[in-house]
């Protein structure tokens, strides 16, 4: 093999260069995003059926939909919310389902029951994936242009430009106003001419005609014959003829006022306190977020002159800033780790050539691993970049172990200082290097079976680390010996192997104490017991969480005013909130939606959200700002309930339908009983320290004016209830009966009555109604008008009535808080037939922790199989496994000392520790030829320097991540802390405890053999 490598060294090194260049090209083409491409197995069906009462909507709309959707193959859970005339049905499938097929099946199921639903029922079905939230948000404000012109520019000028950019899927425009022609009919004047509202509607519809009536061929040409009498302006509308007779002509101007107005809207959109139009840009799945942002900014700079004067265009949200910051911080962590690794190598080896080889290997491995990620359709995101940063120490470890072994073999036998000796000495490490690399790679195999958010996110992390380790093994096995053969001299080996005074003294002291420990197993037992006790105690002190917290530079503030609060009153309350935000020195900008939400869903005029973007350089952390803003609103704006969460947290919550960490679901048959219990539960958990933003789950719709048409009275007037309701709709809400093309848009023509006729409830009784025979009557003559108090929205899960009490956790671990919540609710007296379940992110966390525990167990079993294959001796296998398990206990010590939760990222780090410790142990047993004390001491001294070097390099490489330096590093900080804790324990465990365990197991094995013989 050595001769073969020597013969083909040019081709092998050139191949490495090609892989590096290919990786560099792949890096330039790989998409850049915040998180991995995740297909969430959820479909949301939104239905609108007018303004029916909530209970009627549930019976007539929600239940038939739930039953139809429950029959779709693969459905695991259905959750619904029913409001007045509207319903949202969330359909949850198994992770890994084909969601394109699932969406088609869900739409088919809804279409089958649509004829049985109330007339004019409309529905939309959409897949829930990260593209439902914008990656870039623009705000348009103006002191010159009116809301109509502002929206027209955004919708017909700006949106087509943005949609032409590669990777943009949708451009959503919110806010502003739409122009329309309003025909305000006077019912009394209409009745005086013997006309009805339907006559006005028909005249407007029939008077605005453009129709192709035929074709004509003449003189070799084909002509299309058009019959047209289009409406073009207000004057044309006014002169629409309603009636002719001996008395003359009655046109529209005789019975109505025609004017230009705006379409009715029950939403408000602002940016930094000013009325605005928001342009939300959403990307396609797998698109490059950073490239989209750069392309849009370039486009806006080029077309700056085409933007109408007076329009101020600002950014209210830019996901690429967080992505760029995260990528930069992880990149800096890689560079810092590499620089520190080089420094450690110089300190230990005192040779620039050796350091130069490692400096070549590290970027080469990382770039070659990028090629693997590109082939596997991955992207640069927080998880893949974090995985590469976490692998820096392990990559350097492989190269250092190989170089150190080569140097030692050359100095052991100086006569073999010929070039081939380098390759032959390197080949001696084939088995241990392959075994150690396999030990760190196979632990990631079980991660492929993780489900849920954990699997979706951390499989990308596992792929990036495994790819880097695979390439690292190949480079260390093939390229490092060739580079050493090419660049190193015998004197470099002697210089590197010459230990300094401190290391020589440390080596002697280590050998002395290891020999004593091997002779006195009692000391070994005390050390093992100390590790077990301290690790076990630390485990009880470390709380568990879900996803690591990350400062995204902005957060969402959801708000809800009292039920039934008008849009004007909600705006007044929110003006006070905007003043609070404007006075906060850490806030850079904010945008507001009232009657709308970022993630969609059922929204009334008293609800909505802010997105608050913070300054890059600020005095307080995002969590302090969120807490301060929430406290100020609570104290200064009574009656407004708010919730704060970062956008990615809000996004994941919306995508999984479990937005809050704490969710207590109450199930039962009677909604009134559930609502009463929900208030009790909310009161109980509100007393738990760390629980904030408690919501009892009861959403009350606003009060309603119920107009009950008496069928008998209506029949005596010559009308049906349907005719009365239809006329009321036209008089009050108005009806768009025709559209006039103007430029790029179609302007609606709305027929309605003057607001003064029905703007106050007591006037409704006098609202004029015109019967089919032309006589006049008032609404009070055929209908009873009464006030109806607000009804609570109805929720269900898997067709069972349910109320969900939710809350957020602040300043404490999720496991600790939920433990206290369960204790409090254990004494709750539940009526017969009522039961509760815990959901939310806590349920996801519990499931993820169970799966990660199985992953850890599977990793240990796979490592056991590998070790048995390598050694075929249980004494070696058990000693390595015992060492790895003791190192796991030290992880809890590190988490406890740093105040870090045992979350998903930390659990991944624990799994990696099993492989890392096993890798180091394999190299130790590559030196030890027997279980004799002198042989174990010799092997320990031989492995002392490489163990110290590799552990220190890995620790320093992970330190930037552990310290959370930068946006993306915060996501990987628990993983880095877990690995560093294990590495710190690895040094004494592998060098002292493991040889003692091995020697003790060998003695037990020999005694057992002797007993069997006798």
Foldseek 3Di string as FASTA:
>chain_A
DLVVLVVCVVVVVVVLVVLLVLLVVLQVVFFFDAFKQAFFQKKKKKKAQDFAQQVVCCVQPVVLLLVLLVPQPQWDWWKKWTHGRMMMIMTGGFGPDPNVVSQVSSVVSCVVCVVSHHPPMDMDMDGFGLLLFFQWKKKKDFPPDALQVQQCCVPPPVQVVLVPDPFWDDKDKDFGWHKFKEWAFDVVLCLVVLHAPVLLLVLQQVQADWDFDAWDDDPNDIGTDIDGRHDDDQVSQQARWRDQDPVGTDGSVRGTDIDMDTADDLKFKDKLLGGIMMIGIGGDRSHRLLVSVVVSVVVCVVCVVVPDPRMDMDIFHHNVVQSVQQLVLLVVLQVQLLVVLLVLLCVQQVDVLLSVLLVVQQSSLLSSLSSVCSVVSIHHHLQLSLLSLLLSLVLSLLQVVLVLQLLVVCVVPVVPQALSSLLVSSVLCVQLLVLLLCLLLVLLVLLCVDTDPLSSGNNSSSSNNNSSSVSSSVCSSNVSSSSCSVRPGNVSSVSRPDGDPVLVVVLVVLLVVQLVCLVDVVVLVVVLVVLVVLLVVLVVVFFAAAFFDFQSQKKKKKKFFDAADGLVVLVVLVSVLSVVLVPDPFWDMKMWMAQAESSGDHHDRRITMMITGTDPDDDDTPVVVVVVSQVCSVVPRPRMQIDMDHPVLCSSCVSNVQSALWKKKKFFADPVQQLVVLVVLLVLLVPQPQWPSKDSQWDWHAKDKDKAFAQVLQVVLVHGPVLVVVSVCCAASWDFSDWHDDDPDTHTYTYYHDCVCPVDPVSQQQRWDAHPSSDIDGSVRGIDIDMGGTDTIWMDMSPTTIGMIGTHGPDDHSRVSVVVSCVRCVPPDDDPRMDMDIDHVNVVQVSLVVSLVVSLVVSLVVSLVSVCVSPVDVLLSVLLSSLLVSLLSLLSVLCSVVVHHNYSLLSVLSSSSSSNLSSLLSQLVSQQPDLDSVSSSVSLSSCLSSLVSSLVSSLSSLVSLLVVPTRSSSSNNSSSSSNNSSSVSSNCSSNRNSSSSSSVVVVVVVVVVVVVVD
